């Protein structure tokens, strides 16, 4: 596994502990997340790309990990992710040049893992 898998693993235990203390908050957020990211007039893949862009903008490694994984699982291509990151760099300047490459590395990590799960043709 790679760095962003490690980020998710680290956060998973911390989040589980918080869920024990404030279960309704965590449950409510999970419901909001499922609803916001569901297929609709805007595809789930596009929503993951938007979320990844916001994760870069917010400089959130845990969010980057989550939405890079989501983008990979929903079939985003490396070119799509790179172009979204290009917009992040445009809109964020210097911080985009730090967190954009992090997001691309995370996507590549999850895309490689996703490719290993798919049946080979």
Protein backbone atom coordinates (compact mmCIF):
# COMPACT_ATOMS: atom_id res chain seq x y z
CA UNK A 1 0.00 0.00 0.00
CA UNK A 2 1.02 3.60 -0.40
CA UNK A 3 1.07 6.79 1.59
CA UNK A 4 -2.57 7.71 1.07
CA UNK A 5 -3.73 4.27 2.16
CA UNK A 6 -1.72 4.94 5.33
CA UNK A 7 -3.44 8.32 5.75
CA UNK A 8 -6.84 6.64 5.55
CA UNK A 9 -5.79 3.88 7.93
CA UNK A 10 -4.60 6.44 10.48
CA UNK A 11 -7.81 8.45 10.26
CA UNK A 12 -10.07 5.38 10.34
CA UNK A 13 -9.21 4.54 13.98
CA UNK A 14 -9.54 8.16 15.09
CA UNK A 15 -12.88 8.50 13.32
CA UNK A 16 -14.15 5.27 14.88
CA UNK A 17 -13.34 6.64 18.32
CA UNK A 18 -15.19 9.87 17.57
CA UNK A 19 -18.16 7.84 16.28
CA UNK A 20 -18.37 6.20 19.73
CA UNK A 21 -18.66 9.61 21.39
CA UNK A 22 -20.94 11.44 18.92
CA UNK A 23 -22.67 8.73 16.89
CA UNK A 24 -25.53 10.92 15.67
CA UNK A 25 -23.15 13.51 14.23
CA UNK A 26 -21.08 10.89 12.43
CA UNK A 27 -24.20 9.11 11.18
CA UNK A 28 -25.70 12.37 9.96
CA UNK A 29 -22.50 13.24 8.10
CA UNK A 30 -22.43 9.78 6.49
CA UNK A 31 -26.01 10.25 5.27
CA UNK A 32 -25.18 13.70 3.90
CA UNK A 33 -22.09 12.29 2.16
CA UNK A 34 -24.02 9.45 0.49
CA UNK A 35 -26.76 11.82 -0.64
CA UNK A 36 -24.42 14.49 -2.00
CA UNK A 37 -22.18 12.01 -3.85
CA UNK A 38 -24.95 9.87 -5.38
CA UNK A 39 -25.55 9.65 -9.12
CA UNK A 40 -27.90 12.35 -10.30
CA UNK A 41 -28.00 15.02 -12.97
CA UNK A 42 -24.27 15.30 -12.22
CA UNK A 43 -22.42 11.99 -12.36
CA UNK A 44 -20.83 10.53 -9.23
CA UNK A 45 -17.47 10.64 -11.04
CA UNK A 46 -17.80 14.37 -11.65
CA UNK A 47 -18.81 14.89 -8.03
CA UNK A 48 -15.65 13.04 -6.93
CA UNK A 49 -13.53 15.27 -9.17
CA UNK A 50 -15.17 18.38 -7.70
CA UNK A 51 -14.63 17.03 -4.19
CA UNK A 52 -10.99 16.28 -5.03
CA UNK A 53 -10.54 19.86 -6.23
CA UNK A 54 -12.05 21.17 -3.00
CA UNK A 55 -9.78 18.83 -1.00
CA UNK A 56 -6.75 20.36 -2.75
CA UNK A 57 -8.09 23.86 -2.08
CA UNK A 58 -8.69 23.06 1.59
CA UNK A 59 -5.25 21.40 1.86
CA UNK A 60 -6.76 18.29 3.46
CA UNK A 61 -4.75 15.09 3.01
CA UNK A 62 -7.53 12.91 4.42
CA UNK A 63 -10.00 14.46 1.99
CA UNK A 64 -7.53 14.04 -0.86
CA UNK A 65 -7.16 10.35 0.00
CA UNK A 66 -10.90 9.81 0.19
CA UNK A 67 -11.80 11.58 -3.05
CA UNK A 68 -8.80 10.36 -5.04
CA UNK A 69 -9.96 6.85 -4.13
CA UNK A 70 -13.54 7.76 -5.07
CA UNK A 71 -12.43 9.19 -8.41
CA UNK A 72 -10.42 6.05 -9.18
CA UNK A 73 -13.33 3.80 -8.21
CA UNK A 74 -15.71 5.77 -10.42
CA UNK A 75 -13.47 5.47 -13.46
CA UNK A 76 -11.82 8.89 -13.64
CA UNK A 77 -8.78 8.95 -15.89
CA UNK A 78 -5.37 10.32 -14.99
CA UNK A 79 -5.89 13.04 -17.60
CA UNK A 80 -9.21 14.11 -16.05
CA UNK A 81 -7.63 14.28 -12.60
CA UNK A 82 -4.60 16.18 -13.92
CA UNK A 83 -6.83 18.75 -15.65
CA UNK A 84 -8.88 19.24 -12.48
CA UNK A 85 -5.63 19.75 -10.58
CA UNK A 86 -4.61 22.29 -13.22
CA UNK A 87 -7.71 24.30 -12.35
CA UNK A 88 -6.79 24.01 -8.66
CA UNK A 89 -3.35 25.44 -9.40
CA UNK A 90 -4.94 28.26 -11.39
CA UNK A 91 -7.34 29.15 -8.59
CA UNK A 92 -5.04 28.51 -5.60
CA UNK A 93 -1.60 29.53 -6.82
CA UNK A 94 1.30 28.21 -4.75
CA UNK A 95 -0.70 25.96 -2.40
CA UNK A 96 -2.20 24.32 -5.49
CA UNK A 97 1.30 23.40 -6.61
CA UNK A 98 1.83 21.57 -3.29
CA UNK A 99 -1.51 19.87 -2.77
CA UNK A 100 -2.24 19.30 -6.47
CA UNK A 101 0.69 16.89 -6.90
CA UNK A 102 -0.34 15.20 -3.65
CA UNK A 103 -3.82 14.67 -5.07
CA UNK A 104 -2.41 13.28 -8.32
CA UNK A 105 -0.13 10.89 -6.43
CA UNK A 106 -3.10 9.75 -4.34
CA UNK A 107 -5.19 9.19 -7.46
CA UNK A 108 -2.39 7.17 -9.09
CA UNK A 109 -2.08 5.06 -5.93
CA UNK A 110 -5.80 4.25 -5.86
CA UNK A 111 -6.08 3.83 -9.64
CA UNK A 112 -3.28 1.24 -9.55
CA UNK A 113 -5.02 -0.60 -6.72
CA UNK A 114 -8.33 -0.41 -8.61
CA UNK A 115 -6.71 -1.79 -11.77
CA UNK A 116 -5.44 -4.80 -9.81
CA UNK A 117 -9.01 -5.55 -8.68
CA UNK A 118 -10.49 -5.52 -12.17
CA UNK A 119 -10.60 -8.73 -14.22
CA UNK A 120 -7.90 -8.79 -16.85
CA UNK A 121 -9.09 -8.92 -20.45
